[in-house]
C-alpha cells in the first residue's frame, strides 16, 4: 500500500513540475532566440528601434561555431532594406570610422559577436521603420554552412545607442 501512495505522489510531483516548465518556457522573452543549424549556434538576433526617418539601421547577434573548421559569413540580406552589409568600426587618424567588410570568420570552437561599436550587419536604405516590439527576417550566408534565416527582434529605445549609425562613410576595406 505504501508503494502505491509513493508512486502516486511521484506522478503528481512530475505533473506539477512539467506544468511549471511549460509555463516557464512560454513566459521566456522573445529576445532569447536561439538557432542551431549544424555546428553553428546563432543567439539573440536584435536591432534597435529608430525614428521613422532613419535611412539606415543595424542588426546584432552572436554566432558560435562548435565545429572543427572555421566558417565565414560571406553575405547578409533582408527584405527590410535595399541592401545589407557586414560592417565594422576602425580607428583611422584618431577618428572612429565604419567600414564595409566582405566576410567575417567564425573560428572553430569559438564565437563571433556582432555588437554596437564593433562588427554588425548594416541595413542600408530601410524600407520601413524599425519599431520596438516588431521583428524582421535576416538571411545569413556562410561559405561552408549554407544560408540560415533568423528573425531579428527590434528592441525599444531604452537601450543606449553607441553604434554611430547616423551618417557615416561607406568606405571599403578587407
Protein backbone atom coordinates (compact mmCIF):
# COMPACT_ATOMS: atom_id res chain seq x y z
CA UNK A 1 0.00 0.00 0.00
CA UNK A 2 2.83 2.38 0.89
CA UNK A 3 4.49 1.93 -2.51
CA UNK A 4 1.22 2.84 -4.28
CA UNK A 5 0.96 6.11 -2.33
CA UNK A 6 4.61 6.97 -3.08
CA UNK A 7 4.13 6.22 -6.79
CA UNK A 8 1.02 8.45 -6.91
CA UNK A 9 2.88 11.28 -5.10
CA UNK A 10 5.77 10.94 -7.56
CA UNK A 11 3.39 11.09 -10.50
CA UNK A 12 1.65 14.17 -9.02
CA UNK A 13 5.00 15.89 -8.50
CA UNK A 14 6.11 15.06 -12.03
CA UNK A 15 2.87 16.53 -13.42
CA UNK A 16 3.37 19.73 -11.39
CA UNK A 17 6.99 20.07 -12.50
CA UNK A 18 6.01 19.51 -16.14
CA UNK A 19 3.40 22.27 -15.82
CA UNK A 20 5.94 24.57 -14.22
CA UNK A 21 8.47 24.04 -17.01
CA UNK A 22 5.79 24.55 -19.67
CA UNK A 23 4.76 27.87 -18.10
CA UNK A 24 8.42 28.93 -17.75
CA UNK A 25 9.07 28.14 -21.43
CA UNK A 26 6.02 30.09 -22.57
CA UNK A 27 6.99 33.06 -20.40
CA UNK A 28 10.55 33.24 -21.79
CA UNK A 29 11.23 36.55 -23.54
CA UNK A 30 11.04 36.59 -27.32
CA UNK A 31 14.56 38.06 -27.46
CA UNK A 32 16.08 34.80 -26.23
CA UNK A 33 16.02 33.34 -29.76
CA UNK A 34 18.43 30.54 -30.48
CA UNK A 35 19.12 28.87 -33.84
CA UNK A 36 21.26 25.72 -34.08
CA UNK A 37 21.90 24.70 -37.69
CA UNK A 38 24.63 22.04 -37.76
CA UNK A 39 27.73 23.07 -35.82
CA UNK A 40 26.60 26.70 -35.62
CA UNK A 41 24.60 28.34 -32.88
CA UNK A 42 23.10 31.78 -33.51
CA UNK A 43 21.85 33.66 -30.46
CA UNK A 44 19.75 36.75 -29.83
CA UNK A 45 19.44 38.50 -33.21
CA UNK A 46 18.30 42.02 -32.34
CA UNK A 47 18.09 45.55 -33.64
CA UNK A 48 17.32 48.91 -32.11
CA UNK A 49 14.17 50.97 -32.61
CA UNK A 50 14.90 54.04 -34.72
CA UNK A 51 12.98 57.19 -35.68
CA UNK A 52 10.80 56.66 -38.78
CA UNK A 53 13.05 58.96 -40.85
CA UNK A 54 16.25 56.95 -40.17
CA UNK A 55 17.70 55.86 -43.52
CA UNK A 56 19.87 53.07 -42.09
CA UNK A 57 19.86 50.64 -39.20
CA UNK A 58 21.87 47.74 -37.82
CA UNK A 59 21.39 44.20 -36.56
CA UNK A 60 23.40 42.37 -33.92
CA UNK A 61 23.78 38.72 -32.93
CA UNK A 62 26.25 36.13 -31.69
CA UNK A 63 27.45 33.15 -33.74
CA UNK A 64 29.13 30.19 -32.06
CA UNK A 65 30.95 27.57 -34.10
CA UNK A 66 31.13 24.19 -32.36
CA UNK A 67 32.73 22.56 -35.40
CA UNK A 68 36.35 21.61 -36.08
CA UNK A 69 36.69 24.03 -39.03
CA UNK A 70 36.35 27.81 -39.24
CA UNK A 71 33.40 29.13 -41.24
CA UNK A 72 32.98 32.53 -42.87
CA UNK A 73 29.83 34.59 -43.08
CA UNK A 74 30.05 35.88 -46.65
CA UNK A 75 26.83 37.83 -47.12
CA UNK A 76 23.68 39.06 -45.41
CA UNK A 77 20.31 40.16 -46.77
CA UNK A 78 16.94 41.33 -45.54
CA UNK A 79 13.77 42.46 -47.29
CA UNK A 80 13.55 45.36 -44.82
CA UNK A 81 16.44 47.23 -46.54
CA UNK A 82 17.69 47.97 -50.05
CA UNK A 83 20.88 46.17 -49.07
CA UNK A 84 22.58 44.64 -46.05
CA UNK A 85 26.33 44.52 -45.50
CA UNK A 86 28.82 43.41 -42.89
CA UNK A 87 30.41 46.45 -41.27
CA UNK A 88 32.96 47.09 -38.55
CA UNK A 89 34.47 50.11 -36.80
CA UNK A 90 38.14 51.04 -37.23
CA UNK A 91 40.29 53.86 -35.84
CA UNK A 92 41.74 55.99 -38.62
CA UNK A 93 43.79 59.08 -37.79
CA UNK A 94 42.28 59.23 -34.31
CA UNK A 95 38.72 59.07 -35.69
CA UNK A 96 36.43 56.05 -35.44
CA UNK A 97 35.08 55.15 -38.89
CA UNK A 98 32.72 52.50 -40.10
CA UNK A 99 33.95 50.19 -42.85
CA UNK A 100 32.34 47.55 -45.05
CA UNK A 101 33.96 44.11 -44.76
CA UNK A 102 33.39 41.36 -47.32
CA UNK A 103 33.28 38.48 -44.84
CA UNK A 104 33.84 37.60 -41.20
CA UNK A 105 35.36 34.40 -39.85
CA UNK A 106 33.92 32.39 -37.00
CA UNK A 107 36.88 30.28 -35.79
CA UNK A 108 36.44 26.60 -34.95
CA UNK A 109 35.18 26.03 -31.40
CA UNK A 110 34.84 29.76 -30.89
CA UNK A 111 32.32 32.60 -31.19
CA UNK A 112 31.92 35.87 -33.04
CA UNK A 113 29.77 38.69 -31.65
CA UNK A 114 28.06 41.33 -33.75
CA UNK A 115 27.51 44.26 -31.38
CA UNK A 116 27.22 48.06 -31.21
CA UNK A 117 30.61 49.68 -31.73
CA UNK A 118 32.03 46.57 -33.42
CA UNK A 119 31.16 44.13 -36.15
CA UNK A 120 27.48 44.42 -37.16
CA UNK A 121 25.01 43.94 -40.00
CA UNK A 122 24.38 47.32 -41.62
CA UNK A 123 20.89 47.77 -43.08
CA UNK A 124 21.15 50.41 -45.81
CA UNK A 125 18.07 52.09 -47.27
CA UNK A 126 15.45 50.97 -44.78
CA UNK A 127 12.11 50.30 -46.47
CA UNK A 128 10.16 50.61 -43.24
CA UNK A 129 10.78 52.00 -39.78
CA UNK A 130 12.37 49.82 -37.11
CA UNK A 131 9.66 49.81 -34.43
CA UNK A 132 10.20 48.36 -30.97
CA UNK A 133 8.34 45.12 -30.36
CA UNK A 134 8.31 44.18 -34.06
CA UNK A 135 10.71 41.89 -35.90
CA UNK A 136 12.11 41.29 -39.38
CA UNK A 137 13.80 38.46 -41.29
CA UNK A 138 17.55 38.34 -41.89
CA UNK A 139 19.39 35.80 -44.04
CA UNK A 140 22.98 34.90 -43.23
CA UNK A 141 25.06 33.14 -45.89
CA UNK A 142 28.10 31.09 -44.88
CA UNK A 143 30.83 29.63 -47.06
CA UNK A 144 30.52 26.10 -45.60
CA UNK A 145 27.18 26.16 -43.78
CA UNK A 146 24.84 27.47 -46.49
CA UNK A 147 22.15 30.04 -45.72
CA UNK A 148 20.42 30.46 -42.38
CA UNK A 149 17.27 32.52 -41.88
CA UNK A 150 16.79 34.20 -38.50
CA UNK A 151 14.24 36.61 -37.05
CA UNK A 152 15.60 39.88 -35.66
CA UNK A 153 13.69 41.32 -32.70
CA UNK A 154 13.52 45.14 -32.59
CA UNK A 155 14.21 46.48 -29.10
CA UNK A 156 12.64 49.69 -27.80
CA UNK A 157 14.55 52.94 -27.49
CA UNK A 158 15.53 52.23 -23.88
CA UNK A 159 18.84 50.68 -24.92
CA UNK A 160 21.68 53.18 -25.34
CA UNK A 161 22.92 53.64 -28.89
CA UNK A 162 26.68 53.69 -29.25
CA UNK A 163 26.68 52.29 -32.76
CA UNK A 164 27.20 55.53 -34.69
CA UNK A 165 24.65 54.67 -37.38
CA UNK A 166 23.60 58.20 -38.14
CA UNK A 167 25.62 59.23 -41.12
CA UNK A 168 28.93 57.57 -41.89
CA UNK A 169 31.29 56.85 -44.71
CA UNK A 170 30.79 53.71 -46.74
CA UNK A 171 34.47 53.07 -47.29
CA UNK A 172 35.74 49.69 -48.40
CA UNK A 173 38.22 47.51 -46.59
CA UNK A 174 39.31 43.84 -46.40
